[in-house]
Protein backbone atom coordinates (compact mmCIF):
# COMPACT_ATOMS: atom_id res chain seq x y z
CA MET A 1 -0.13 -0.12 0.16
CA GLY A 2 1.05 3.51 -0.80
CA GLU A 3 1.57 6.47 1.70
CA ALA A 4 -1.83 7.50 1.12
CA TYR A 5 -3.68 5.10 3.44
CA ASP A 6 -2.80 5.24 7.04
CA ARG A 7 -2.98 1.75 7.97
CA GLU A 8 -1.97 2.13 11.72
CA ASN A 9 -5.03 4.27 12.53
CA ARG A 10 -7.77 2.62 9.64
CA TYR A 11 -10.02 2.04 12.40
CA ASP A 12 -10.02 5.57 13.50
CA ASP A 13 -11.68 6.35 10.04
CA LEU A 14 -15.95 5.99 9.96
CA ALA A 15 -15.55 5.15 6.19
CA ASN A 16 -13.23 2.43 6.66
CA ARG A 17 -15.18 0.85 9.61
CA ALA A 18 -18.49 1.15 7.56
CA MET A 19 -16.82 -0.88 4.29
CA ARG A 20 -15.71 -3.48 6.82
CA GLY A 21 -19.05 -3.92 8.37
CA GLN A 22 -21.09 -3.67 5.05
CA GLU A 23 -18.95 -6.12 3.51
CA GLN A 24 -19.92 -8.51 6.15
CA GLN A 25 -23.23 -7.54 6.05
CA ALA A 26 -23.42 -8.27 2.41
CA VAL A 27 -22.06 -11.73 2.69
CA ASP A 28 -24.49 -12.72 5.45
CA ALA A 29 -27.43 -11.48 3.43
CA TYR A 30 -26.86 -13.44 0.46
CA GLY A 31 -26.23 -16.60 2.61
CA GLY A 32 -22.98 -16.58 4.63
CA ALA A 33 -19.19 -17.48 3.65
CA ARG A 34 -18.36 -21.41 2.89
CA THR A 35 -16.62 -21.18 6.74
CA ASP A 36 -20.30 -20.46 8.25
CA THR A 37 -22.21 -22.97 5.73
CA ASN A 38 -19.60 -25.91 6.44
CA LYS A 39 -20.00 -25.94 10.00
CA ALA A 40 -24.02 -25.71 9.88
CA GLY A 41 -24.10 -28.34 6.80
CA LEU A 42 -26.17 -25.60 4.60
CA PRO A 43 -25.31 -25.46 0.98
CA HIS A 44 -22.70 -22.70 0.19
CA LEU A 45 -24.55 -19.75 -1.66
CA THR A 46 -21.89 -17.25 -2.02
CA GLY A 47 -18.29 -17.44 -3.38
CA ASN A 48 -16.69 -16.43 -0.03
CA GLU A 49 -14.32 -18.76 1.35
CA GLN A 50 -13.91 -16.71 4.45
CA ARG A 51 -15.82 -14.19 6.30
CA PRO A 52 -14.62 -10.61 5.70
CA VAL A 53 -14.81 -9.99 9.81
CA ARG A 54 -13.96 -13.40 11.71
CA ILE A 55 -16.18 -14.29 14.30
CA GLY A 56 -14.65 -12.91 17.55
CA ASN A 57 -12.64 -9.95 16.27
CA PRO A 58 -13.00 -7.39 19.10
CA TRP A 59 -14.28 -4.62 16.19
CA ALA A 60 -17.06 -6.75 14.65
CA GLU A 61 -19.91 -4.75 16.32
CA THR A 62 -17.73 -1.38 15.62
CA PHE A 63 -17.87 -2.23 12.00
CA ASP A 64 -21.83 -3.34 12.07
CA ALA A 65 -22.96 -0.36 13.63
CA ALA A 66 -20.79 1.92 11.51
CA ALA A 67 -22.45 -0.04 8.29
CA THR A 68 -25.59 0.35 9.67
CA SER A 69 -25.51 4.06 10.71
CA LEU A 70 -24.06 4.90 7.10
CA PHE A 71 -26.00 2.58 4.51
CA GLY A 72 -28.77 0.93 6.40
CA GLN A 73 -28.90 -2.83 7.81
CA MET A 74 -28.73 -5.43 5.45
CA ARG A 75 -28.94 -8.25 8.22
CA SER A 76 -28.96 -8.27 12.11
CA TYR A 77 -25.94 -8.86 13.73
CA ASN A 78 -25.27 -12.60 15.57
CA PRO A 79 -21.46 -12.99 16.92
CA VAL A 80 -22.34 -16.43 16.93
CA MET A 81 -22.49 -17.36 13.38
CA GLY A 82 -22.26 -14.87 11.11
CA ARG A 83 -25.67 -13.20 11.09
CA ARG A 84 -28.04 -15.89 10.96
């Protein structure tokens, strides 16, 4: 990455948090990542092998709240297995 992106302070940026949350909401809204559906024995509905925001990520709820406040909610938050 170039110098235009301040990776060290990326979570201070509301837009960055909202993008992470929206990406996860979209994956969940369209069926979840393979890492979610494999555990539950469900069919794969998206091409995403892994979740954009891992379960247990300490920033997950912050990402979700930022996305919901800026873009609206695509799927409700459930920290156990994505947003099911």
